[in-house]
Every structure is written in structure tokens, then in C-alpha cells.
Amino acid sequence: MPTRLTGFFATLDLEQIPPEDIARWLKPNPGLDFVENYLANKLLYPATIAYSQGDLAIELAILREVVKRNPQKFMTAGKFFIPPGLAERIGTLPDLTLALFDVLAPKEPVAIFLGNKAVGSVIPPSTPKEFLQIEIMGKKYRFKR
């Protein structure tokens, strides 16, 4: 597997993340060979954008591991930060917000910032039976977690 990624993913220190840590976020787990090959293709073609739901799942799994290792880059008291470059490359704002929520698991409402602009909020469920509520740019989403 290549040892150095370029492009947007180079800013995420992917070479420090073992493929097995990425694979554990994936259901069903596609296996280490698949994840290693995906990362190798990112080296060869760093500008590619996820084409399928499977590709998006892997990119979001990578993001979850990056957030887990660098939570301070993505959250401060009451705020999620989504870098604009990330929003241009991986999924949608709800996808990115769910990935941040999965790792950071705030207990209180959180504002969502795209760069330095507030674009929405997250209201965590207060009981396991409630839905996670996300509002982004005037649209409301509810997710069972």
C-alpha cells in the first residue's frame, strides 16, 4: 500500500491510521484488502469523489477515524466545525454531521459551522427511543441512532 497520500486527504494524516481502524466503522466490513486498495487508489487519484454508497461509506469511515484522533479540529464547546474543503469532497452536510456526531457524541445541542458560518444545529436524543435531530440551512432531518 502507498505510504503517502496527496490532495485533500493529505491534510487528514491518513498515513497514521491503520486500515483495520477504518474497516471497523464499516457495516458490513469489506475486509482489510478492500480498505487498503481504496486508500491506495486515493493516492493515485486524490481528486476523485465517492461515486457509490460504498465509496461514500469508506470516506465517512476515514473521516470518523480522523475526527477520533483530532476531535479539537472538529468540535469546541457547543460547536461542530466542518471545513469547507471537506464539505466539497465528501458526501453532504447531513452525512458529515452524522459522522461527527457518531464520534464526538455530544449530550447537549450543538451549532454546526461550515468554515466560520453557522449553517445549522444538532439536537441529540435525550433517550434511546428519541431521534437525533439535525437542521441544516432550513431543512430538518431526523435519524434513529
N, C-alpha and C. Protein backbone atom coordinates (compact mmCIF):
# COMPACT_ATOMS: atom_id res chain seq x y z
N MET A 1 0.84 -1.19 0.00
CA MET A 1 0.00 0.00 0.00
C MET A 1 0.88 1.24 0.00
N PRO A 2 0.50 2.27 -0.73
CA PRO A 2 1.28 3.51 -0.72
C PRO A 2 1.37 4.08 0.69
N THR A 3 2.43 4.80 0.93
CA THR A 3 2.63 5.33 2.28
C THR A 3 2.39 6.82 2.37
N ARG A 4 2.10 7.49 1.26
CA ARG A 4 1.92 8.94 1.31
C ARG A 4 0.73 9.35 0.46
N LEU A 5 -0.26 9.97 1.05
CA LEU A 5 -1.42 10.45 0.32
C LEU A 5 -1.23 11.93 -0.02
N THR A 6 -1.85 12.34 -1.10
CA THR A 6 -1.75 13.73 -1.55
C THR A 6 -3.15 14.31 -1.67
N GLY A 7 -3.22 15.58 -2.05
CA GLY A 7 -4.51 16.22 -2.23
C GLY A 7 -5.18 16.50 -0.90
N PHE A 8 -6.51 16.61 -0.92
CA PHE A 8 -7.24 16.94 0.29
C PHE A 8 -6.98 15.94 1.41
N PHE A 9 -6.91 14.66 1.08
CA PHE A 9 -6.71 13.65 2.12
C PHE A 9 -5.35 13.75 2.80
N ALA A 10 -4.39 14.39 2.19
CA ALA A 10 -3.09 14.57 2.83
C ALA A 10 -3.21 15.42 4.09
N THR A 11 -4.18 16.31 4.15
CA THR A 11 -4.35 17.16 5.33
C THR A 11 -4.94 16.39 6.51
N LEU A 12 -5.39 15.17 6.26
CA LEU A 12 -6.04 14.39 7.31
C LEU A 12 -5.10 13.38 7.98
N ASP A 13 -3.83 13.34 7.63
CA ASP A 13 -2.86 12.41 8.23
C ASP A 13 -3.30 10.96 8.11
N LEU A 14 -3.78 10.56 6.95
CA LEU A 14 -4.27 9.20 6.76
C LEU A 14 -3.19 8.15 6.93
N GLU A 15 -1.96 8.51 6.64
CA GLU A 15 -0.90 7.51 6.76
C GLU A 15 -0.69 7.06 8.21
N GLN A 16 -1.26 7.77 9.16
CA GLN A 16 -1.17 7.40 10.57
C GLN A 16 -2.31 6.49 11.02
N ILE A 17 -3.28 6.22 10.16
CA ILE A 17 -4.46 5.45 10.54
C ILE A 17 -4.36 4.04 9.96
N PRO A 18 -4.31 3.02 10.80
CA PRO A 18 -4.30 1.64 10.30
C PRO A 18 -5.61 1.31 9.57
N PRO A 19 -5.54 0.61 8.45
CA PRO A 19 -6.75 0.25 7.70
C PRO A 19 -7.78 -0.49 8.55
N GLU A 20 -7.34 -1.28 9.53
CA GLU A 20 -8.29 -2.01 10.37
C GLU A 20 -9.14 -1.06 11.22
N ASP A 21 -8.59 0.11 11.57
CA ASP A 21 -9.38 1.09 12.32
C ASP A 21 -10.47 1.70 11.44
N ILE A 22 -10.17 1.87 10.18
CA ILE A 22 -11.18 2.38 9.23
C ILE A 22 -12.24 1.31 8.98
N ALA A 23 -11.80 0.09 8.80
CA ALA A 23 -12.72 -1.01 8.47
C ALA A 23 -13.74 -1.25 9.58
N ARG A 24 -13.39 -0.98 10.83
CA ARG A 24 -14.33 -1.28 11.92
C ARG A 24 -15.57 -0.38 11.90
N TRP A 25 -15.51 0.75 11.20
CA TRP A 25 -16.69 1.63 11.07
C TRP A 25 -17.64 1.15 9.97
N LEU A 26 -17.22 0.19 9.18
CA LEU A 26 -18.00 -0.22 8.01
C LEU A 26 -18.84 -1.45 8.32
N LYS A 27 -20.11 -1.37 7.97
CA LYS A 27 -21.05 -2.49 8.14
C LYS A 27 -21.72 -2.74 6.81
N PRO A 28 -21.56 -3.88 6.21
CA PRO A 28 -20.68 -4.96 6.59
C PRO A 28 -19.23 -4.59 6.31
N ASN A 29 -18.34 -5.17 7.07
CA ASN A 29 -16.91 -4.90 6.93
C ASN A 29 -16.42 -5.54 5.62
N PRO A 30 -15.86 -4.73 4.70
CA PRO A 30 -15.43 -5.27 3.41
C PRO A 30 -14.09 -6.00 3.46
N GLY A 31 -13.39 -5.93 4.58
CA GLY A 31 -12.08 -6.59 4.70
C GLY A 31 -10.95 -5.59 4.52
N LEU A 32 -9.81 -5.94 5.10
CA LEU A 32 -8.66 -5.04 5.06
C LEU A 32 -8.12 -4.83 3.66
N ASP A 33 -8.10 -5.87 2.84
CA ASP A 33 -7.59 -5.72 1.48
C ASP A 33 -8.36 -4.65 0.72
N PHE A 34 -9.68 -4.67 0.87
CA PHE A 34 -10.52 -3.69 0.18
C PHE A 34 -10.20 -2.27 0.65
N VAL A 35 -10.09 -2.09 1.97
CA VAL A 35 -9.79 -0.76 2.52
C VAL A 35 -8.41 -0.30 2.09
N GLU A 36 -7.42 -1.20 2.13
CA GLU A 36 -6.07 -0.84 1.69
C GLU A 36 -6.06 -0.44 0.23
N ASN A 37 -6.79 -1.17 -0.61
CA ASN A 37 -6.87 -0.83 -2.03
C ASN A 37 -7.55 0.52 -2.24
N TYR A 38 -8.57 0.80 -1.45
CA TYR A 38 -9.26 2.09 -1.56
C TYR A 38 -8.28 3.23 -1.23
N LEU A 39 -7.53 3.05 -0.15
CA LEU A 39 -6.56 4.08 0.24
C LEU A 39 -5.47 4.23 -0.82
N ALA A 40 -5.03 3.12 -1.40
CA ALA A 40 -4.02 3.18 -2.46
C ALA A 40 -4.56 3.95 -3.68
N ASN A 41 -5.82 3.72 -4.02
CA ASN A 41 -6.43 4.45 -5.14
C ASN A 41 -6.55 5.93 -4.83
N LYS A 42 -6.76 6.28 -3.56
CA LYS A 42 -6.80 7.70 -3.18
C LYS A 42 -5.45 8.36 -3.43
N LEU A 43 -4.37 7.59 -3.25
CA LEU A 43 -3.04 8.13 -3.53
C LEU A 43 -2.88 8.39 -5.03
N LEU A 44 -3.31 7.44 -5.82
CA LEU A 44 -3.16 7.58 -7.27
C LEU A 44 -4.11 8.62 -7.87
N TYR A 45 -5.31 8.71 -7.30
CA TYR A 45 -6.34 9.61 -7.81
C TYR A 45 -6.95 10.41 -6.68
N PRO A 46 -6.20 11.34 -6.09
CA PRO A 46 -6.67 12.05 -4.89
C PRO A 46 -7.88 12.96 -5.13
N ALA A 47 -8.14 13.34 -6.36
CA ALA A 47 -9.24 14.25 -6.64
C ALA A 47 -10.57 13.54 -6.85
N THR A 48 -10.56 12.21 -6.79
CA THR A 48 -11.82 11.50 -7.01
C THR A 48 -12.80 11.76 -5.88
N ILE A 49 -14.07 11.71 -6.24
CA ILE A 49 -15.17 11.88 -5.28
C ILE A 49 -15.93 10.56 -5.24
N ALA A 50 -16.43 10.21 -4.07
CA ALA A 50 -17.17 8.95 -3.92
C ALA A 50 -18.28 8.88 -4.96
N TYR A 51 -18.31 7.76 -5.67
CA TYR A 51 -19.29 7.56 -6.74
C TYR A 51 -20.47 6.72 -6.27
N SER A 52 -20.19 5.77 -5.39
CA SER A 52 -21.23 4.86 -4.92
C SER A 52 -21.46 5.04 -3.43
N GLN A 53 -22.53 4.45 -2.94
CA GLN A 53 -22.79 4.49 -1.50
C GLN A 53 -21.67 3.78 -0.74
N GLY A 54 -21.11 2.72 -1.32
CA GLY A 54 -19.99 2.01 -0.69
C GLY A 54 -18.76 2.89 -0.56
N ASP A 55 -18.45 3.64 -1.63
CA ASP A 55 -17.31 4.56 -1.58
C ASP A 55 -17.54 5.65 -0.54
N LEU A 56 -18.76 6.18 -0.49
CA LEU A 56 -19.08 7.20 0.49
C LEU A 56 -18.94 6.65 1.90
N ALA A 57 -19.38 5.42 2.12
CA ALA A 57 -19.26 4.81 3.44
C ALA A 57 -17.79 4.72 3.87
N ILE A 58 -16.91 4.37 2.94
CA ILE A 58 -15.48 4.28 3.28
C ILE A 58 -14.93 5.67 3.58
N GLU A 59 -15.27 6.66 2.78
CA GLU A 59 -14.77 8.00 3.03
C GLU A 59 -15.26 8.55 4.36
N LEU A 60 -16.50 8.25 4.71
CA LEU A 60 -17.02 8.68 6.01
C LEU A 60 -16.37 7.90 7.15
N ALA A 61 -16.02 6.64 6.91
CA ALA A 61 -15.29 5.86 7.93
C ALA A 61 -13.90 6.45 8.15
N ILE A 62 -13.26 6.86 7.07
CA ILE A 62 -11.95 7.53 7.19
C ILE A 62 -12.11 8.80 8.01
N LEU A 63 -13.14 9.58 7.68
CA LEU A 63 -13.38 10.82 8.42
C LEU A 63 -13.60 10.54 9.91
N ARG A 64 -14.38 9.52 10.22
CA ARG A 64 -14.63 9.20 11.63
C ARG A 64 -13.32 8.92 12.38
N GLU A 65 -12.42 8.20 11.74
CA GLU A 65 -11.13 7.92 12.39
C GLU A 65 -10.30 9.19 12.54
N VAL A 66 -10.36 10.06 11.55
CA VAL A 66 -9.63 11.34 11.64
C VAL A 66 -10.19 12.17 12.79
N VAL A 67 -11.51 12.24 12.90
CA VAL A 67 -12.15 13.01 13.97
C VAL A 67 -11.80 12.40 15.33
N LYS A 68 -11.83 11.09 15.41
CA LYS A 68 -11.50 10.41 16.67
C LYS A 68 -10.09 10.77 17.14
N ARG A 69 -9.17 10.91 16.20
CA ARG A 69 -7.77 11.22 16.54
C ARG A 69 -7.52 12.72 16.74
N ASN A 70 -8.40 13.56 16.21
CA ASN A 70 -8.24 15.02 16.28
C ASN A 70 -9.54 15.72 16.62
N PRO A 71 -10.19 15.39 17.73
CA PRO A 71 -11.51 15.97 18.00
C PRO A 71 -11.50 17.48 18.11
N GLN A 72 -10.40 18.06 18.57
CA GLN A 72 -10.31 19.51 18.74
C GLN A 72 -10.38 20.26 17.41
N LYS A 73 -10.11 19.60 16.30
CA LYS A 73 -10.21 20.24 14.98
C LYS A 73 -11.65 20.34 14.50
N PHE A 74 -12.53 19.55 15.12
CA PHE A 74 -13.90 19.45 14.63
C PHE A 74 -14.96 19.87 15.63
N MET A 75 -14.58 20.08 16.90
CA MET A 75 -15.57 20.48 17.89
C MET A 75 -14.93 21.27 19.03
N THR A 76 -15.63 22.34 19.40
CA THR A 76 -15.33 23.05 20.65
C THR A 76 -16.66 23.13 21.39
N ALA A 77 -16.67 23.72 22.54
CA ALA A 77 -17.89 23.76 23.36
C ALA A 77 -19.09 24.24 22.54
N GLY A 78 -20.01 23.32 22.29
CA GLY A 78 -21.26 23.67 21.63
C GLY A 78 -21.18 23.92 20.14
N LYS A 79 -20.07 23.56 19.48
CA LYS A 79 -19.93 23.83 18.04
C LYS A 79 -19.23 22.68 17.33
N PHE A 80 -19.82 22.26 16.19
CA PHE A 80 -19.16 21.36 15.25
C PHE A 80 -18.57 22.22 14.15
N PHE A 81 -17.34 21.93 13.75
CA PHE A 81 -16.70 22.65 12.65
C PHE A 81 -16.50 21.71 11.47
N ILE A 82 -17.05 22.07 10.33
CA ILE A 82 -16.87 21.32 9.09
C ILE A 82 -16.05 22.20 8.16
N PRO A 83 -14.80 21.81 7.85
CA PRO A 83 -14.01 22.61 6.92
C PRO A 83 -14.67 22.64 5.54
N PRO A 84 -14.72 23.79 4.88
CA PRO A 84 -15.36 23.87 3.56
C PRO A 84 -14.78 22.86 2.57
N GLY A 85 -13.47 22.64 2.61
CA GLY A 85 -12.86 21.66 1.70
C GLY A 85 -13.39 20.26 1.91
N LEU A 86 -13.71 19.94 3.13
CA LEU A 86 -14.26 18.63 3.44
C LEU A 86 -15.67 18.52 2.87
N ALA A 87 -16.46 19.56 3.03
CA ALA A 87 -17.83 19.56 2.53
C ALA A 87 -17.87 19.48 1.00
N GLU A 88 -16.83 19.93 0.34
CA GLU A 88 -16.77 19.87 -1.12
C GLU A 88 -16.38 18.49 -1.61
N ARG A 89 -15.76 17.67 -0.76
CA ARG A 89 -15.19 16.40 -1.20
C ARG A 89 -15.94 15.16 -0.74
N ILE A 90 -16.63 15.25 0.40
CA ILE A 90 -17.21 14.03 0.98
C ILE A 90 -18.68 14.25 1.31
N GLY A 91 -19.56 13.54 0.63
CA GLY A 91 -20.97 13.50 1.00
C GLY A 91 -21.66 14.84 1.08
N THR A 92 -22.67 14.87 1.93
CA THR A 92 -23.49 16.07 2.13
C THR A 92 -23.26 16.58 3.56
N LEU A 93 -23.77 17.75 3.85
CA LEU A 93 -23.65 18.27 5.22
C LEU A 93 -24.32 17.35 6.24
N PRO A 94 -25.50 16.78 5.96
CA PRO A 94 -26.05 15.82 6.93
C PRO A 94 -25.15 14.59 7.12
N ASP A 95 -24.55 14.08 6.03
CA ASP A 95 -23.61 12.95 6.15
C ASP A 95 -22.45 13.31 7.07
N LEU A 96 -21.87 14.47 6.83
CA LEU A 96 -20.72 14.91 7.62
C LEU A 96 -21.11 15.14 9.08
N THR A 97 -22.28 15.72 9.29
CA THR A 97 -22.75 15.98 10.65
C THR A 97 -22.97 14.67 11.40
N LEU A 98 -23.56 13.68 10.73
CA LEU A 98 -23.75 12.37 11.36
C LEU A 98 -22.42 11.72 11.73
N ALA A 99 -21.43 11.84 10.84
CA ALA A 99 -20.11 11.28 11.14
C ALA A 99 -19.51 11.96 12.37
N LEU A 100 -19.61 13.28 12.44
CA LEU A 100 -19.10 13.99 13.61
C LEU A 100 -19.85 13.56 14.87
N PHE A 101 -21.17 13.46 14.76
CA PHE A 101 -21.97 13.07 15.92
C PHE A 101 -21.60 11.67 16.40
N ASP A 102 -21.39 10.73 15.46
CA ASP A 102 -21.05 9.35 15.83
C ASP A 102 -19.78 9.29 16.68
N VAL A 103 -18.82 10.13 16.36
CA VAL A 103 -17.54 10.10 17.08
C VAL A 103 -17.57 10.98 18.32
N LEU A 104 -18.06 12.19 18.19
CA LEU A 104 -17.97 13.17 19.28
C LEU A 104 -19.09 13.04 20.31
N ALA A 105 -20.23 12.47 19.90
CA ALA A 105 -21.37 12.16 20.77
C ALA A 105 -21.69 13.24 21.80
N PRO A 106 -22.01 14.46 21.36
CA PRO A 106 -22.37 15.50 22.33
C PRO A 106 -23.68 15.15 23.03
N LYS A 107 -23.80 15.58 24.25
CA LYS A 107 -25.02 15.34 25.04
C LYS A 107 -25.97 16.53 24.99
N GLU A 108 -25.45 17.68 24.61
CA GLU A 108 -26.23 18.93 24.54
C GLU A 108 -26.33 19.38 23.08
N PRO A 109 -27.27 20.27 22.75
CA PRO A 109 -27.36 20.80 21.38
C PRO A 109 -26.04 21.44 20.94
N VAL A 110 -25.78 21.31 19.65
CA VAL A 110 -24.54 21.79 19.06
C VAL A 110 -24.86 22.60 17.81
N ALA A 111 -24.19 23.73 17.62
CA ALA A 111 -24.30 24.51 16.39
C ALA A 111 -23.35 23.91 15.36
N ILE A 112 -23.75 23.93 14.09
CA ILE A 112 -22.92 23.42 13.01
C ILE A 112 -22.36 24.60 12.24
N PHE A 113 -21.04 24.63 12.08
CA PHE A 113 -20.38 25.69 11.33
C PHE A 113 -19.71 25.09 10.11
N LEU A 114 -19.95 25.71 8.95
CA LEU A 114 -19.24 25.40 7.72
C LEU A 114 -18.23 26.52 7.55
N GLY A 115 -16.97 26.20 7.81
CA GLY A 115 -15.98 27.26 7.91
C GLY A 115 -16.32 28.10 9.13
N ASN A 116 -16.48 29.40 8.94
CA ASN A 116 -16.85 30.25 10.09
C ASN A 116 -18.30 30.73 10.02
N LYS A 117 -19.10 30.07 9.18
CA LYS A 117 -20.51 30.45 9.03
C LYS A 117 -21.42 29.39 9.68
N ALA A 118 -22.28 29.82 10.59
CA ALA A 118 -23.25 28.92 11.21
C ALA A 118 -24.27 28.49 10.16
N VAL A 119 -24.46 27.17 10.01
CA VAL A 119 -25.38 26.67 8.99
C VAL A 119 -26.48 25.78 9.56
N GLY A 120 -26.41 25.50 10.86
CA GLY A 120 -27.45 24.64 11.42
C GLY A 120 -27.17 24.23 12.84
N SER A 121 -27.89 23.18 13.27
CA SER A 121 -27.74 22.71 14.64
C SER A 121 -28.04 21.22 14.72
N VAL A 122 -27.57 20.62 15.82
CA VAL A 122 -27.82 19.21 16.13
C VAL A 122 -28.45 19.16 17.51
N ILE A 123 -29.54 18.42 17.63
CA ILE A 123 -30.13 18.19 18.95
C ILE A 123 -30.05 16.68 19.21
N PRO A 124 -29.18 16.29 20.13
CA PRO A 124 -29.03 14.86 20.43
C PRO A 124 -30.29 14.30 21.08
N PRO A 125 -30.53 13.02 20.89
CA PRO A 125 -31.68 12.41 21.56
C PRO A 125 -31.43 12.35 23.07
N SER A 126 -32.45 12.59 23.85
CA SER A 126 -32.28 12.54 25.31
C SER A 126 -32.55 11.14 25.86
N THR A 127 -33.21 10.30 25.06
CA THR A 127 -33.42 8.90 25.43
C THR A 127 -33.14 8.04 24.19
N PRO A 128 -32.88 6.75 24.39
CA PRO A 128 -32.62 5.88 23.23
C PRO A 128 -33.79 5.77 22.25
N LYS A 129 -34.99 6.08 22.69
CA LYS A 129 -36.16 5.98 21.82
C LYS A 129 -36.37 7.23 20.96
N GLU A 130 -35.70 8.31 21.29
CA GLU A 130 -35.86 9.55 20.53
C GLU A 130 -34.95 9.59 19.31
N PHE A 131 -35.24 10.53 18.42
CA PHE A 131 -34.47 10.70 17.20
C PHE A 131 -33.41 11.78 17.38
N LEU A 132 -32.30 11.62 16.69
CA LEU A 132 -31.31 12.68 16.55
C LEU A 132 -31.90 13.67 15.57
N GLN A 133 -31.89 14.96 15.91
CA GLN A 133 -32.45 15.98 15.03
C GLN A 133 -31.34 16.89 14.52
N ILE A 134 -31.31 17.06 13.21
CA ILE A 134 -30.33 17.94 12.59
C ILE A 134 -31.10 18.94 11.73
N GLU A 135 -30.74 20.20 11.86
CA GLU A 135 -31.29 21.23 10.99
C GLU A 135 -30.11 21.89 10.29
N ILE A 136 -30.14 21.89 8.95
CA ILE A 136 -29.07 22.48 8.16
C ILE A 136 -29.70 23.32 7.06
N MET A 137 -29.35 24.59 7.07
CA MET A 137 -29.82 25.53 6.06
C MET A 137 -31.34 25.45 5.87
N GLY A 138 -32.06 25.42 6.98
CA GLY A 138 -33.51 25.44 6.94
C GLY A 138 -34.18 24.09 6.73
N LYS A 139 -33.42 23.03 6.45
CA LYS A 139 -34.00 21.70 6.27
C LYS A 139 -33.80 20.89 7.55
N LYS A 140 -34.85 20.15 7.91
CA LYS A 140 -34.79 19.34 9.13
C LYS A 140 -34.68 17.86 8.78
N TYR A 141 -33.84 17.16 9.54
CA TYR A 141 -33.60 15.74 9.36
C TYR A 141 -33.73 15.06 10.71
N ARG A 142 -34.27 13.85 10.71
CA ARG A 142 -34.37 13.06 11.93
C ARG A 142 -33.75 11.69 11.67
N PHE A 143 -32.92 11.23 12.61
CA PHE A 143 -32.24 9.96 12.46
C PHE A 143 -32.39 9.14 13.73
N LYS A 144 -32.65 7.86 13.57
CA LYS A 144 -32.67 6.93 14.70
C LYS A 144 -31.25 6.44 14.87
N ARG A 145 -30.68 6.61 16.04
CA ARG A 145 -29.29 6.18 16.28
C ARG A 145 -29.25 5.01 17.20
